[in-house]
């Protein structure tokens, strides 16, 4: 906890770089979607669109991600419960 910035993501650092390119292609923006692929960080909307363009089943991917999250939480459930009960 003493190293407050140890968990900064690459994006947290990158967004201050002089060559950073903002993504303006999300549906909440009035600007064109052309720069989605050149942006330094894609939003989820742009990523899903690209996956669909590549023929990737987005719904299947997210179903598998949700399943993985559930299994991960279940794998530590007893440890979390034990620690919670000790507090």
PDB file of N, CA and C in Angstrom:
ATOM      1  N   UNK A   1       0.817  -1.202   0.000  1.00  0.00           N
ATOM      2  CA  UNK A   1       0.000   0.000   0.000  1.00  0.00           C
ATOM      3  C   UNK A   1       0.859   1.263   0.000  1.00  0.00           C
ATOM      4  N   UNK A   2       2.143   1.119   0.299  1.00  0.00           N
ATOM      5  CA  UNK A   2       3.002   2.293   0.322  1.00  0.00           C
ATOM      6  C   UNK A   2       3.290   2.810  -1.091  1.00  0.00           C
ATOM      7  N   UNK A   3       3.251   1.915  -2.078  1.00  0.00           N
ATOM      8  CA  UNK A   3       3.503   2.295  -3.467  1.00  0.00           C
ATOM      9  C   UNK A   3       2.163   2.564  -4.148  1.00  0.00           C
ATOM     10  N   UNK A   4       1.675   3.773  -4.012  1.00  0.00           N
ATOM     11  CA  UNK A   4       0.320   4.106  -4.459  1.00  0.00           C
ATOM     12  C   UNK A   4       0.130   4.009  -5.960  1.00  0.00           C
ATOM     13  N   UNK A   5       1.180   4.165  -6.750  1.00  0.00           N
ATOM     14  CA  UNK A   5       1.028   4.187  -8.195  1.00  0.00           C
ATOM     15  C   UNK A   5       1.498   2.898  -8.861  1.00  0.00           C
ATOM     16  N   UNK A   6       1.778   1.872  -8.089  1.00  0.00           N
ATOM     17  CA  UNK A   6       2.294   0.635  -8.643  1.00  0.00           C
ATOM     18  C   UNK A   6       1.284  -0.052  -9.565  1.00  0.00           C
ATOM     19  N   UNK A   7      -0.014   0.188  -9.334  1.00  0.00           N
ATOM     20  CA  UNK A   7      -1.039  -0.490 -10.113  1.00  0.00           C
ATOM     21  C   UNK A   7      -1.610   0.357 -11.239  1.00  0.00           C
ATOM     22  N   UNK A   8      -0.947   1.438 -11.587  1.00  0.00           N
ATOM     23  CA  UNK A   8      -1.413   2.234 -12.710  1.00  0.00           C
ATOM     24  C   UNK A   8      -1.349   1.413 -13.986  1.00  0.00           C
ATOM     25  N   UNK A   9      -2.385   1.500 -14.777  1.00  0.00           N
ATOM     26  CA  UNK A   9      -2.372   0.779 -16.048  1.00  0.00           C
ATOM     27  C   UNK A   9      -1.522   1.544 -17.046  1.00  0.00           C
ATOM     28  N   UNK A  10      -1.176   0.867 -18.113  1.00  0.00           N
ATOM     29  CA  UNK A  10      -0.425   1.508 -19.174  1.00  0.00           C
ATOM     30  C   UNK A  10      -1.191   2.738 -19.675  1.00  0.00           C
ATOM     31  N   UNK A  11      -2.510   2.626 -19.767  1.00  0.00           N
ATOM     32  CA  UNK A  11      -3.332   3.740 -20.226  1.00  0.00           C
ATOM     33  C   UNK A  11      -3.211   4.949 -19.301  1.00  0.00           C
ATOM     34  N   UNK A  12      -3.136   4.709 -17.997  1.00  0.00           N
ATOM     35  CA  UNK A  12      -3.014   5.811 -17.043  1.00  0.00           C
ATOM     36  C   UNK A  12      -1.777   6.652 -17.313  1.00  0.00           C
ATOM     37  N   UNK A  13      -0.742   6.006 -17.758  1.00  0.00           N
ATOM     38  CA  UNK A  13       0.496   6.702 -18.087  1.00  0.00           C
ATOM     39  C   UNK A  13       0.420   7.236 -19.514  1.00  0.00           C
ATOM     40  N   UNK A  14      -0.062   6.407 -20.414  1.00  0.00           N
ATOM     41  CA  UNK A  14      -0.078   6.726 -21.841  1.00  0.00           C
ATOM     42  C   UNK A  14      -0.937   7.951 -22.181  1.00  0.00           C
ATOM     43  N   UNK A  15      -2.042   8.154 -21.469  1.00  0.00           N
ATOM     44  CA  UNK A  15      -2.953   9.249 -21.819  1.00  0.00           C
ATOM     45  C   UNK A  15      -2.328  10.629 -21.670  1.00  0.00           C
ATOM     46  N   UNK A  16      -1.186  10.697 -21.005  1.00  0.00           N
ATOM     47  CA  UNK A  16      -0.497  11.976 -20.865  1.00  0.00           C
ATOM     48  C   UNK A  16       0.622  12.147 -21.903  1.00  0.00           C
ATOM     49  N   UNK A  17       0.801  11.130 -22.742  1.00  0.00           N
ATOM     50  CA  UNK A  17       1.857  11.178 -23.747  1.00  0.00           C
ATOM     51  C   UNK A  17       1.486  12.145 -24.873  1.00  0.00           C
ATOM     52  N   UNK A  18       2.473  12.777 -25.481  1.00  0.00           N
ATOM     53  CA  UNK A  18       2.189  13.759 -26.542  1.00  0.00           C
ATOM     54  C   UNK A  18       1.557  13.127 -27.790  1.00  0.00           C
ATOM     55  N   UNK A  19       1.785  11.828 -28.021  1.00  0.00           N
ATOM     56  CA  UNK A  19       1.236  11.180 -29.215  1.00  0.00           C
ATOM     57  C   UNK A  19      -0.051  10.400 -28.936  1.00  0.00           C
ATOM     58  N   UNK A  20      -0.671  10.644 -27.784  1.00  0.00           N
ATOM     59  CA  UNK A  20      -1.916   9.974 -27.409  1.00  0.00           C
ATOM     60  C   UNK A  20      -3.033  10.377 -28.369  1.00  0.00           C
ATOM     61  N   UNK A  21      -3.808   9.393 -28.837  1.00  0.00           N
ATOM     62  CA  UNK A  21      -4.922   9.644 -29.751  1.00  0.00           C
ATOM     63  C   UNK A  21      -6.210   9.217 -29.070  1.00  0.00           C
ATOM     64  N   UNK A  22      -7.096  10.173 -28.820  1.00  0.00           N
ATOM     65  CA  UNK A  22      -8.359   9.882 -28.150  1.00  0.00           C
ATOM     66  C   UNK A  22      -9.318   9.168 -29.102  1.00  0.00           C
ATOM     67  N   UNK A  23     -10.044   8.202 -28.576  1.00  0.00           N
ATOM     68  CA  UNK A  23     -11.065   7.497 -29.342  1.00  0.00           C
ATOM     69  C   UNK A  23     -12.334   8.335 -29.308  1.00  0.00           C
ATOM     70  N   UNK A  24     -12.826   8.714 -30.479  1.00  0.00           N
ATOM     71  CA  UNK A  24     -14.043   9.528 -30.555  1.00  0.00           C
ATOM     72  C   UNK A  24     -15.164   8.787 -31.261  1.00  0.00           C
ATOM     73  N   UNK A  25     -15.004   7.488 -31.457  1.00  0.00           N
ATOM     74  CA  UNK A  25     -15.969   6.745 -32.257  1.00  0.00           C
ATOM     75  C   UNK A  25     -17.086   6.079 -31.493  1.00  0.00           C
ATOM     76  N   UNK A  26     -17.203   6.289 -30.213  1.00  0.00           N
ATOM     77  CA  UNK A  26     -18.267   5.641 -29.457  1.00  0.00           C
ATOM     78  C   UNK A  26     -19.614   6.235 -29.839  1.00  0.00           C
ATOM     79  N   UNK A  27     -20.698   5.508 -29.590  1.00  0.00           N
ATOM     80  CA  UNK A  27     -22.010   6.003 -29.987  1.00  0.00           C
ATOM     81  C   UNK A  27     -22.433   7.262 -29.228  1.00  0.00           C
ATOM     82  N   UNK A  28     -21.720   7.604 -28.177  1.00  0.00           N
ATOM     83  CA  UNK A  28     -22.039   8.808 -27.412  1.00  0.00           C
ATOM     84  C   UNK A  28     -21.372  10.044 -27.994  1.00  0.00           C
ATOM     85  N   UNK A  29     -20.677   9.874 -29.096  1.00  0.00           N
ATOM     86  CA  UNK A  29     -19.952  10.962 -29.720  1.00  0.00           C
ATOM     87  C   UNK A  29     -20.559  11.281 -31.077  1.00  0.00           C
ATOM     88  N   UNK A  30     -20.584  12.541 -31.451  1.00  0.00           N
ATOM     89  CA  UNK A  30     -21.111  12.947 -32.754  1.00  0.00           C
ATOM     90  C   UNK A  30     -20.055  12.846 -33.846  1.00  0.00           C
ATOM     91  N   UNK A  31     -18.801  12.619 -33.463  1.00  0.00           N
ATOM     92  CA  UNK A  31     -17.715  12.579 -34.435  1.00  0.00           C
ATOM     93  C   UNK A  31     -17.690  11.236 -35.165  1.00  0.00           C
ATOM     94  N   UNK A  32     -16.923  11.183 -36.231  1.00  0.00           N
ATOM     95  CA  UNK A  32     -16.827   9.970 -37.059  1.00  0.00           C
ATOM     96  C   UNK A  32     -16.157   8.833 -36.309  1.00  0.00           C
ATOM     97  N   UNK A  33     -16.446   7.596 -36.739  1.00  0.00           N
ATOM     98  CA  UNK A  33     -15.856   6.414 -36.127  1.00  0.00           C
ATOM     99  C   UNK A  33     -14.542   6.010 -36.783  1.00  0.00           C
ATOM    100  N   UNK A  34     -14.081   6.767 -37.763  1.00  0.00           N
ATOM    101  CA  UNK A  34     -12.914   6.384 -38.542  1.00  0.00           C
ATOM    102  C   UNK A  34     -11.649   6.208 -37.715  1.00  0.00           C
ATOM    103  N   UNK A  35     -11.527   6.917 -36.625  1.00  0.00           N
ATOM    104  CA  UNK A  35     -10.287   6.863 -35.853  1.00  0.00           C
ATOM    105  C   UNK A  35     -10.296   5.800 -34.771  1.00  0.00           C
ATOM    106  N   UNK A  36     -11.333   4.966 -34.712  1.00  0.00           N
ATOM    107  CA  UNK A  36     -11.394   3.911 -33.701  1.00  0.00           C
ATOM    108  C   UNK A  36     -10.124   3.072 -33.683  1.00  0.00           C
ATOM    109  N   UNK A  37      -9.678   2.652 -34.845  1.00  0.00           N
ATOM    110  CA  UNK A  37      -8.542   1.729 -34.914  1.00  0.00           C
ATOM    111  C   UNK A  37      -7.203   2.414 -34.679  1.00  0.00           C
ATOM    112  N   UNK A  38      -7.155   3.720 -34.773  1.00  0.00           N
ATOM    113  CA  UNK A  38      -5.892   4.419 -34.540  1.00  0.00           C
ATOM    114  C   UNK A  38      -5.831   5.021 -33.142  1.00  0.00           C
ATOM    115  N   UNK A  39      -6.932   4.916 -32.408  1.00  0.00           N
ATOM    116  CA  UNK A  39      -6.963   5.478 -31.061  1.00  0.00           C
ATOM    117  C   UNK A  39      -6.018   4.712 -30.137  1.00  0.00           C
ATOM    118  N   UNK A  40      -5.514   5.400 -29.142  1.00  0.00           N
ATOM    119  CA  UNK A  40      -4.618   4.779 -28.178  1.00  0.00           C
ATOM    120  C   UNK A  40      -5.342   3.801 -27.266  1.00  0.00           C
ATOM    121  N   UNK A  41      -6.627   4.026 -27.061  1.00  0.00           N
ATOM    122  CA  UNK A  41      -7.432   3.121 -26.240  1.00  0.00           C
ATOM    123  C   UNK A  41      -8.813   3.015 -26.872  1.00  0.00           C
ATOM    124  N   UNK A  42      -9.277   1.788 -27.059  1.00  0.00           N
ATOM    125  CA  UNK A  42     -10.610   1.581 -27.616  1.00  0.00           C
ATOM    126  C   UNK A  42     -11.622   1.465 -26.490  1.00  0.00           C
ATOM    127  N   UNK A  43     -12.824   1.976 -26.711  1.00  0.00           N
ATOM    128  CA  UNK A  43     -13.889   1.712 -25.759  1.00  0.00           C
ATOM    129  C   UNK A  43     -14.497   0.348 -26.094  1.00  0.00           C
ATOM    130  N   UNK A  44     -15.322  -0.151 -25.229  1.00  0.00           N
ATOM    131  CA  UNK A  44     -15.907  -1.480 -25.399  1.00  0.00           C
ATOM    132  C   UNK A  44     -16.756  -1.547 -26.665  1.00  0.00           C
ATOM    133  N   UNK A  45     -17.465  -0.494 -26.961  1.00  0.00           N
ATOM    134  CA  UNK A  45     -18.277  -0.415 -28.181  1.00  0.00           C
ATOM    135  C   UNK A  45     -17.413  -0.661 -29.425  1.00  0.00           C
ATOM    136  N   UNK A  46     -16.251   0.011 -29.496  1.00  0.00           N
ATOM    137  CA  UNK A  46     -15.359  -0.124 -30.648  1.00  0.00           C
ATOM    138  C   UNK A  46     -14.755  -1.519 -30.724  1.00  0.00           C
ATOM    139  N   UNK A  47     -14.387  -2.072 -29.579  1.00  0.00           N
ATOM    140  CA  UNK A  47     -13.828  -3.420 -29.550  1.00  0.00           C
ATOM    141  C   UNK A  47     -14.843  -4.437 -30.046  1.00  0.00           C
ATOM    142  N   UNK A  48     -16.079  -4.343 -29.564  1.00  0.00           N
ATOM    143  CA  UNK A  48     -17.126  -5.271 -30.007  1.00  0.00           C
ATOM    144  C   UNK A  48     -17.378  -5.137 -31.503  1.00  0.00           C
ATOM    145  N   UNK A  49     -17.390  -3.919 -32.011  1.00  0.00           N
ATOM    146  CA  UNK A  49     -17.577  -3.722 -33.452  1.00  0.00           C
ATOM    147  C   UNK A  49     -16.456  -4.372 -34.258  1.00  0.00           C
ATOM    148  N   UNK A  50     -15.236  -4.216 -33.799  1.00  0.00           N
ATOM    149  CA  UNK A  50     -14.090  -4.808 -34.500  1.00  0.00           C
ATOM    150  C   UNK A  50     -14.180  -6.326 -34.472  1.00  0.00           C
ATOM    151  N   UNK A  51     -14.517  -6.882 -33.312  1.00  0.00           N
ATOM    152  CA  UNK A  51     -14.662  -8.339 -33.209  1.00  0.00           C
ATOM    153  C   UNK A  51     -15.731  -8.846 -34.163  1.00  0.00           C
ATOM    154  N   UNK A  52     -16.875  -8.128 -34.218  1.00  0.00           N
ATOM    155  CA  UNK A  52     -17.940  -8.539 -35.146  1.00  0.00           C
ATOM    156  C   UNK A  52     -17.442  -8.489 -36.583  1.00  0.00           C
ATOM    157  N   UNK A  53     -16.680  -7.452 -36.914  1.00  0.00           N
ATOM    158  CA  UNK A  53     -16.098  -7.307 -38.252  1.00  0.00           C
ATOM    159  C   UNK A  53     -15.183  -8.495 -38.570  1.00  0.00           C
ATOM    160  N   UNK A  54     -14.479  -8.997 -37.561  1.00  0.00           N
ATOM    161  CA  UNK A  54     -13.565 -10.132 -37.735  1.00  0.00           C
ATOM    162  C   UNK A  54     -14.285 -11.480 -37.656  1.00  0.00           C
ATOM    163  N   UNK A  55     -15.603 -11.444 -37.440  1.00  0.00           N
ATOM    164  CA  UNK A  55     -16.375 -12.680 -37.377  1.00  0.00           C
ATOM    165  C   UNK A  55     -16.355 -13.357 -36.019  1.00  0.00           C
ATOM    166  N   UNK A  56     -15.967 -12.635 -34.997  1.00  0.00           N
ATOM    167  CA  UNK A  56     -15.929 -13.199 -33.644  1.00  0.00           C
ATOM    168  C   UNK A  56     -17.313 -13.053 -33.017  1.00  0.00           C
ATOM    169  N   UNK A  57     -17.791 -14.112 -32.388  1.00  0.00           N
ATOM    170  CA  UNK A  57     -19.090 -14.094 -31.731  1.00  0.00           C
ATOM    171  C   UNK A  57     -18.938 -13.389 -30.379  1.00  0.00           C
ATOM    172  N   UNK A  58     -19.292 -12.116 -30.349  1.00  0.00           N
ATOM    173  CA  UNK A  58     -19.104 -11.275 -29.161  1.00  0.00           C
ATOM    174  C   UNK A  58     -19.892 -11.812 -27.971  1.00  0.00           C
ATOM    175  N   UNK A  59     -21.116 -12.213 -28.218  1.00  0.00           N
ATOM    176  CA  UNK A  59     -21.959 -12.715 -27.125  1.00  0.00           C
ATOM    177  C   UNK A  59     -21.343 -13.965 -26.504  1.00  0.00           C
ATOM    178  N   UNK A  60     -20.786 -14.835 -27.339  1.00  0.00           N
ATOM    179  CA  UNK A  60     -20.135 -16.053 -26.837  1.00  0.00           C
ATOM    180  C   UNK A  60     -18.908 -15.706 -25.997  1.00  0.00           C
ATOM    181  N   UNK A  61     -18.134 -14.746 -26.448  1.00  0.00           N
ATOM    182  CA  UNK A  61     -16.945 -14.330 -25.695  1.00  0.00           C
ATOM    183  C   UNK A  61     -17.355 -13.813 -24.322  1.00  0.00           C
ATOM    184  N   UNK A  62     -18.371 -12.967 -24.275  1.00  0.00           N
ATOM    185  CA  UNK A  62     -18.770 -12.396 -22.992  1.00  0.00           C
ATOM    186  C   UNK A  62     -19.438 -13.419 -22.079  1.00  0.00           C
ATOM    187  N   UNK A  63     -20.110 -14.402 -22.657  1.00  0.00           N
ATOM    188  CA  UNK A  63     -20.656 -15.498 -21.851  1.00  0.00           C
ATOM    189  C   UNK A  63     -19.521 -16.266 -21.195  1.00  0.00           C
ATOM    190  N   UNK A  64     -18.460 -16.523 -21.955  1.00  0.00           N
ATOM    191  CA  UNK A  64     -17.298 -17.238 -21.409  1.00  0.00           C
ATOM    192  C   UNK A  64     -16.560 -16.403 -20.364  1.00  0.00           C
ATOM    193  N   UNK A  65     -16.479 -15.099 -20.571  1.00  0.00           N
ATOM    194  CA  UNK A  65     -15.826 -14.222 -19.597  1.00  0.00           C
ATOM    195  C   UNK A  65     -16.615 -14.232 -18.290  1.00  0.00           C
ATOM    196  N   UNK A  66     -17.944 -14.106 -18.388  1.00  0.00           N
ATOM    197  CA  UNK A  66     -18.783 -14.142 -17.181  1.00  0.00           C
ATOM    198  C   UNK A  66     -18.616 -15.469 -16.449  1.00  0.00           C
ATOM    199  N   UNK A  67     -18.570 -16.571 -17.194  1.00  0.00           N
ATOM    200  CA  UNK A  67     -18.380 -17.892 -16.594  1.00  0.00           C
ATOM    201  C   UNK A  67     -17.037 -17.964 -15.865  1.00  0.00           C
ATOM    202  N   UNK A  68     -16.007 -17.421 -16.481  1.00  0.00           N
ATOM    203  CA  UNK A  68     -14.675 -17.412 -15.864  1.00  0.00           C
ATOM    204  C   UNK A  68     -14.665 -16.584 -14.583  1.00  0.00           C
ATOM    205  N   UNK A  69     -15.338 -15.446 -14.597  1.00  0.00           N
ATOM    206  CA  UNK A  69     -15.413 -14.599 -13.399  1.00  0.00           C
ATOM    207  C   UNK A  69     -16.114 -15.340 -12.266  1.00  0.00           C
ATOM    208  N   UNK A  70     -17.230 -15.972 -12.585  1.00  0.00           N
ATOM    209  CA  UNK A  70     -17.970 -16.724 -11.567  1.00  0.00           C
ATOM    210  C   UNK A  70     -17.112 -17.837 -10.985  1.00  0.00           C
ATOM    211  N   UNK A  71     -16.437 -18.589 -11.842  1.00  0.00           N
ATOM    212  CA  UNK A  71     -15.588 -19.689 -11.368  1.00  0.00           C
ATOM    213  C   UNK A  71     -14.422 -19.171 -10.525  1.00  0.00           C
ATOM    214  N   UNK A  72     -13.882 -18.028 -10.898  1.00  0.00           N
ATOM    215  CA  UNK A  72     -12.778 -17.432 -10.134  1.00  0.00           C
ATOM    216  C   UNK A  72     -13.238 -17.050  -8.737  1.00  0.00           C
ATOM    217  N   UNK A  73     -14.397 -16.422  -8.643  1.00  0.00           N
ATOM    218  CA  UNK A  73     -14.928 -16.019  -7.331  1.00  0.00           C
ATOM    219  C   UNK A  73     -15.263 -17.251  -6.492  1.00  0.00           C
ATOM    220  N   UNK A  74     -15.854 -18.262  -7.123  1.00  0.00           N
ATOM    221  CA  UNK A  74     -16.173 -19.488  -6.390  1.00  0.00           C
ATOM    222  C   UNK A  74     -14.913 -20.174  -5.864  1.00  0.00           C
ATOM    223  N   UNK A  75     -13.824 -20.067  -6.599  1.00  0.00           N
ATOM    224  CA  UNK A  75     -12.590 -20.735  -6.175  1.00  0.00           C
ATOM    225  C   UNK A  75     -11.993 -20.130  -4.908  1.00  0.00           C
ATOM    226  N   UNK A  76     -12.328 -18.892  -4.601  1.00  0.00           N
ATOM    227  CA  UNK A  76     -11.799 -18.248  -3.395  1.00  0.00           C
ATOM    228  C   UNK A  76     -12.892 -17.966  -2.363  1.00  0.00           C
ATOM    229  N   UNK A  77     -14.088 -18.469  -2.620  1.00  0.00           N
ATOM    230  CA  UNK A  77     -15.218 -18.191  -1.729  1.00  0.00           C
ATOM    231  C   UNK A  77     -14.943 -18.594  -0.283  1.00  0.00           C
ATOM    232  N   UNK A  78     -14.426 -19.803  -0.067  1.00  0.00           N
ATOM    233  CA  UNK A  78     -14.204 -20.250   1.306  1.00  0.00           C
ATOM    234  C   UNK A  78     -13.139 -19.410   2.011  1.00  0.00           C
ATOM    235  N   UNK A  79     -12.109 -19.014   1.288  1.00  0.00           N
ATOM    236  CA  UNK A  79     -11.056 -18.169   1.866  1.00  0.00           C
ATOM    237  C   UNK A  79     -11.626 -16.792   2.225  1.00  0.00           C
ATOM    238  N   UNK A  80     -12.414 -16.229   1.332  1.00  0.00           N
ATOM    239  CA  UNK A  80     -13.014 -14.930   1.615  1.00  0.00           C
ATOM    240  C   UNK A  80     -13.956 -15.005   2.806  1.00  0.00           C
ATOM    241  N   UNK A  81     -14.778 -16.055   2.860  1.00  0.00           N
ATOM    242  CA  UNK A  81     -15.719 -16.221   3.966  1.00  0.00           C
ATOM    243  C   UNK A  81     -14.967 -16.380   5.288  1.00  0.00           C
ATOM    244  N   UNK A  82     -13.893 -17.156   5.268  1.00  0.00           N
ATOM    245  CA  UNK A  82     -13.101 -17.360   6.463  1.00  0.00           C
ATOM    246  C   UNK A  82     -12.489 -16.051   6.955  1.00  0.00           C
ATOM    247  N   UNK A  83     -11.932 -15.282   6.025  1.00  0.00           N
ATOM    248  CA  UNK A  83     -11.324 -13.999   6.388  1.00  0.00           C
ATOM    249  C   UNK A  83     -12.382 -13.002   6.857  1.00  0.00           C
ATOM    250  N   UNK A  84     -13.526 -13.034   6.250  1.00  0.00           N
ATOM    251  CA  UNK A  84     -14.605 -12.123   6.628  1.00  0.00           C
ATOM    252  C   UNK A  84     -15.105 -12.442   8.044  1.00  0.00           C
ATOM    253  N   UNK A  85     -15.224 -13.712   8.335  1.00  0.00           N
ATOM    254  CA  UNK A  85     -15.710 -14.130   9.654  1.00  0.00           C
ATOM    255  C   UNK A  85     -14.709 -13.838  10.770  1.00  0.00           C
ATOM    256  N   UNK A  86     -13.425 -13.733  10.431  1.00  0.00           N
ATOM    257  CA  UNK A  86     -12.406 -13.428  11.425  1.00  0.00           C
ATOM    258  C   UNK A  86     -12.416 -11.955  11.818  1.00  0.00           C
ATOM    259  N   UNK A  87     -12.891 -11.141  10.968  1.00  0.00           N
ATOM    260  CA  UNK A  87     -12.815  -9.672  11.199  1.00  0.00           C
ATOM    261  C   UNK A  87     -13.780  -9.196  12.227  1.00  0.00           C
TER     262      UNK A  87
END
